[in-house]
Amino acid sequence: RFADNVPLDLECIGDESDMHLNMSTSRLERLKVEADDARIYVKIGTLEPLVTVNISGADSELKLRVPEDVGLKILGRDYESYLTTIGMIEADDGSFISAGYDTVATKVEINVDERLQSFVLDYF
């Protein structure tokens, strides 16, 4: 269990693992995941105004779930065609943002490793 009033700064390391991180009900402020050859599932919530996520892992499969009402910013040029297909907009700094990114109260910034085997983004 995590305290309700303390924002989390969490680091997870685990090669060849199956990580299931449902952080949607936790006050997550920063998450760092390093896992090669892993299956990684991350669900982010809206309890902090800015959430920063760094995910790296050669040959790993990533499924990322974020709420529909957050401003989403993704760094990872190798996923340009996928991100534009799902409606993300390329920003001046080379990142990809959701429509209305600058106007929402909760923002999620994600740095995605280009060495991933697969990357899927889903909204809830």
C-alpha atoms as a PDB file:
ATOM      1  CA  ARG A   1       0.000   0.000   0.000  1.00  0.00           C
ATOM      2  CA  PHE A   2       1.057   3.550  -0.693  1.00  0.00           C
ATOM      3  CA  ALA A   3       0.217   6.625   1.361  1.00  0.00           C
ATOM      4  CA  ASP A   4      -2.656   8.700  -0.015  1.00  0.00           C
ATOM      5  CA  ASN A   5      -0.897  12.027   0.525  1.00  0.00           C
ATOM      6  CA  VAL A   6       2.635  11.280  -0.740  1.00  0.00           C
ATOM      7  CA  PRO A   7       3.370  11.353  -4.497  1.00  0.00           C
ATOM      8  CA  LEU A   8       5.255   8.275  -5.691  1.00  0.00           C
ATOM      9  CA  ASP A   9       8.612   8.166  -7.421  1.00  0.00           C
ATOM     10  CA  LEU A  10       8.872   4.532  -8.459  1.00  0.00           C
ATOM     11  CA  GLU A  11      11.643   2.632 -10.246  1.00  0.00           C
ATOM     12  CA  CYS A  12      11.134  -0.934 -11.497  1.00  0.00           C
ATOM     13  CA  ILE A  13      13.909  -3.087 -12.946  1.00  0.00           C
ATOM     14  CA  GLY A  14      13.331  -6.623 -14.147  1.00  0.00           C
ATOM     15  CA  ASP A  15      14.644  -8.325 -17.262  1.00  0.00           C
ATOM     16  CA  GLU A  16      12.569 -11.197 -18.662  1.00  0.00           C
ATOM     17  CA  SER A  17       9.687 -10.306 -16.375  1.00  0.00           C
ATOM     18  CA  ASP A  18       5.954  -9.760 -16.581  1.00  0.00           C
ATOM     19  CA  MET A  19       5.237  -6.341 -15.035  1.00  0.00           C
ATOM     20  CA  HIS A  20       1.679  -5.310 -14.322  1.00  0.00           C
ATOM     21  CA  LEU A  21       1.666  -1.786 -12.892  1.00  0.00           C
ATOM     22  CA  ASN A  22      -1.839  -0.462 -12.320  1.00  0.00           C
ATOM     23  CA  MET A  23      -1.010   2.989 -10.966  1.00  0.00           C
ATOM     24  CA  SER A  24      -4.400   4.520 -11.757  1.00  0.00           C
ATOM     25  CA  THR A  25      -5.400   4.797  -8.083  1.00  0.00           C
ATOM     26  CA  SER A  26      -1.969   5.842  -6.780  1.00  0.00           C
ATOM     27  CA  ARG A  27      -0.469   9.329  -6.620  1.00  0.00           C
ATOM     28  CA  LEU A  28       2.195   8.564  -9.186  1.00  0.00           C
ATOM     29  CA  GLU A  29       4.524  11.440 -10.004  1.00  0.00           C
ATOM     30  CA  ARG A  30       7.407   9.613 -11.703  1.00  0.00           C
ATOM     31  CA  LEU A  31       7.831   6.073 -12.986  1.00  0.00           C
ATOM     32  CA  LYS A  32      10.967   4.540 -14.452  1.00  0.00           C
ATOM     33  CA  VAL A  33      10.847   1.019 -15.900  1.00  0.00           C
ATOM     34  CA  GLU A  34      13.914  -0.810 -17.206  1.00  0.00           C
ATOM     35  CA  ALA A  35      13.216  -4.327 -18.450  1.00  0.00           C
ATOM     36  CA  ASP A  36      14.667  -6.197 -21.422  1.00  0.00           C
ATOM     37  CA  ASP A  37      12.718  -9.109 -22.943  1.00  0.00           C
ATOM     38  CA  ALA A  38       9.718  -8.302 -20.750  1.00  0.00           C
ATOM     39  CA  ARG A  39       5.966  -7.824 -20.979  1.00  0.00           C
ATOM     40  CA  ILE A  40       5.111  -4.450 -19.462  1.00  0.00           C
ATOM     41  CA  TYR A  41       1.602  -3.198 -18.679  1.00  0.00           C
ATOM     42  CA  VAL A  42       1.279   0.301 -17.212  1.00  0.00           C
ATOM     43  CA  LYS A  43      -1.959   2.087 -16.333  1.00  0.00           C
ATOM     44  CA  ILE A  44      -1.678   5.752 -15.336  1.00  0.00           C
ATOM     45  CA  GLY A  45      -4.233   7.781 -13.375  1.00  0.00           C
ATOM     46  CA  THR A  46      -5.029  11.453 -12.801  1.00  0.00           C
ATOM     47  CA  LEU A  47      -4.164  12.008  -9.142  1.00  0.00           C
ATOM     48  CA  GLU A  48      -1.083  14.174  -9.868  1.00  0.00           C
ATOM     49  CA  PRO A  49      -1.023  17.202 -12.210  1.00  0.00           C
ATOM     50  CA  LEU A  50       2.154  15.997 -13.980  1.00  0.00           C
ATOM     51  CA  VAL A  51       3.222  12.370 -14.369  1.00  0.00           C
ATOM     52  CA  THR A  52       6.568  11.515 -15.961  1.00  0.00           C
ATOM     53  CA  VAL A  53       7.165   7.984 -17.259  1.00  0.00           C
ATOM     54  CA  ASN A  54      10.374   6.533 -18.737  1.00  0.00           C
ATOM     55  CA  ILE A  55      10.157   3.035 -20.188  1.00  0.00           C
ATOM     56  CA  SER A  56      13.144   1.230 -21.643  1.00  0.00           C
ATOM     57  CA  GLY A  57      13.629  -2.362 -22.602  1.00  0.00           C
ATOM     58  CA  ALA A  58      15.137  -4.079 -25.592  1.00  0.00           C
ATOM     59  CA  ASP A  59      12.713  -6.553 -27.182  1.00  0.00           C
ATOM     60  CA  SER A  60       9.993  -5.816 -24.618  1.00  0.00           C
ATOM     61  CA  GLU A  61       6.263  -5.521 -25.250  1.00  0.00           C
ATOM     62  CA  LEU A  62       4.615  -2.417 -23.787  1.00  0.00           C
ATOM     63  CA  LYS A  63       0.911  -1.799 -23.280  1.00  0.00           C
ATOM     64  CA  LEU A  64       0.224   1.653 -21.894  1.00  0.00           C
ATOM     65  CA  ARG A  65      -3.202   2.810 -20.703  1.00  0.00           C
ATOM     66  CA  VAL A  66      -4.007   6.444 -19.919  1.00  0.00           C
ATOM     67  CA  PRO A  67      -7.265   8.271 -19.158  1.00  0.00           C
ATOM     68  CA  GLU A  68      -8.939   9.969 -22.131  1.00  0.00           C
ATOM     69  CA  ASP A  69      -9.027  13.349 -20.369  1.00  0.00           C
ATOM     70  CA  VAL A  70      -5.271  13.809 -19.781  1.00  0.00           C
ATOM     71  CA  GLY A  71      -2.836  15.758 -21.901  1.00  0.00           C
ATOM     72  CA  LEU A  72      -0.460  13.193 -23.312  1.00  0.00           C
ATOM     73  CA  LYS A  73       3.071  13.866 -24.559  1.00  0.00           C
ATOM     74  CA  ILE A  74       5.161  11.022 -25.985  1.00  0.00           C
ATOM     75  CA  LEU A  75       8.849  11.181 -26.820  1.00  0.00           C
ATOM     76  CA  GLY A  76       9.894   8.487 -29.247  1.00  0.00           C
ATOM     77  CA  ARG A  77      10.418   9.329 -32.908  1.00  0.00           C
ATOM     78  CA  ASP A  78      10.555   5.665 -33.919  1.00  0.00           C
ATOM     79  CA  TYR A  79       6.819   5.448 -33.281  1.00  0.00           C
ATOM     80  CA  GLU A  80       5.885   8.422 -35.485  1.00  0.00           C
ATOM     81  CA  SER A  81       3.611   6.553 -37.899  1.00  0.00           C
ATOM     82  CA  TYR A  82       1.788   4.737 -35.086  1.00  0.00           C
ATOM     83  CA  LEU A  83       1.326   7.890 -33.005  1.00  0.00           C
ATOM     84  CA  THR A  84      -0.007   9.943 -35.907  1.00  0.00           C
ATOM     85  CA  THR A  85      -2.360   7.095 -36.865  1.00  0.00           C
ATOM     86  CA  ILE A  86      -3.947   7.200 -33.391  1.00  0.00           C
ATOM     87  CA  GLY A  87      -4.380  10.988 -33.531  1.00  0.00           C
ATOM     88  CA  MET A  88      -1.275  12.341 -31.829  1.00  0.00           C
ATOM     89  CA  ILE A  89       0.135  15.595 -33.208  1.00  0.00           C
ATOM     90  CA  GLU A  90       3.833  16.220 -33.797  1.00  0.00           C
ATOM     91  CA  ALA A  91       5.008  19.154 -31.668  1.00  0.00           C
ATOM     92  CA  ASP A  92       7.799  21.619 -32.479  1.00  0.00           C
ATOM     93  CA  ASP A  93      10.232  19.790 -30.162  1.00  0.00           C
ATOM     94  CA  GLY A  94       9.776  16.475 -32.018  1.00  0.00           C
ATOM     95  CA  SER A  95       7.503  14.923 -29.408  1.00  0.00           C
ATOM     96  CA  PHE A  96       3.908  13.879 -30.058  1.00  0.00           C
ATOM     97  CA  ILE A  97       1.036  15.402 -28.094  1.00  0.00           C
ATOM     98  CA  SER A  98      -2.674  14.777 -27.759  1.00  0.00           C
ATOM     99  CA  ALA A  99      -5.158  17.374 -28.944  1.00  0.00           C
ATOM    100  CA  GLY A 100      -5.628  20.036 -26.267  1.00  0.00           C
ATOM    101  CA  TYR A 101      -2.432  19.060 -24.446  1.00  0.00           C
ATOM    102  CA  ASP A 102      -1.759  22.607 -23.199  1.00  0.00           C
ATOM    103  CA  THR A 103      -5.264  23.187 -21.863  1.00  0.00           C
ATOM    104  CA  VAL A 104      -5.849  20.198 -19.564  1.00  0.00           C
ATOM    105  CA  ALA A 105      -5.122  20.067 -15.835  1.00  0.00           C
ATOM    106  CA  THR A 106      -3.391  16.677 -15.831  1.00  0.00           C
ATOM    107  CA  LYS A 107      -0.446  15.956 -18.110  1.00  0.00           C
ATOM    108  CA  VAL A 108       1.368  12.667 -18.701  1.00  0.00           C
ATOM    109  CA  GLU A 109       4.806  12.766 -20.337  1.00  0.00           C
ATOM    110  CA  ILE A 110       6.178   9.454 -21.575  1.00  0.00           C
ATOM    111  CA  ASN A 111       9.612   8.644 -22.928  1.00  0.00           C
ATOM    112  CA  VAL A 112       9.451   5.382 -24.868  1.00  0.00           C
ATOM    113  CA  ASP A 113      12.568   3.391 -25.781  1.00  0.00           C
ATOM    114  CA  GLU A 114      13.019   2.773 -29.501  1.00  0.00           C
ATOM    115  CA  ARG A 115      14.294  -0.763 -28.796  1.00  0.00           C
ATOM    116  CA  LEU A 116      10.883  -2.070 -27.731  1.00  0.00           C
ATOM    117  CA  GLN A 117       9.503  -4.989 -29.700  1.00  0.00           C
ATOM    118  CA  SER A 118       5.987  -3.524 -29.583  1.00  0.00           C
ATOM    119  CA  PHE A 119       4.163  -0.511 -28.158  1.00  0.00           C
ATOM    120  CA  VAL A 120       0.401  -0.156 -27.781  1.00  0.00           C
ATOM    121  CA  LEU A 121      -1.373   2.892 -26.374  1.00  0.00           C
ATOM    122  CA  ASP A 122      -4.924   2.564 -25.091  1.00  0.00           C
ATOM    123  CA  TYR A 123      -7.317   5.060 -23.482  1.00  0.00           C
ATOM    124  CA  PHE A 124      -9.804   4.347 -20.713  1.00  0.00           C
END
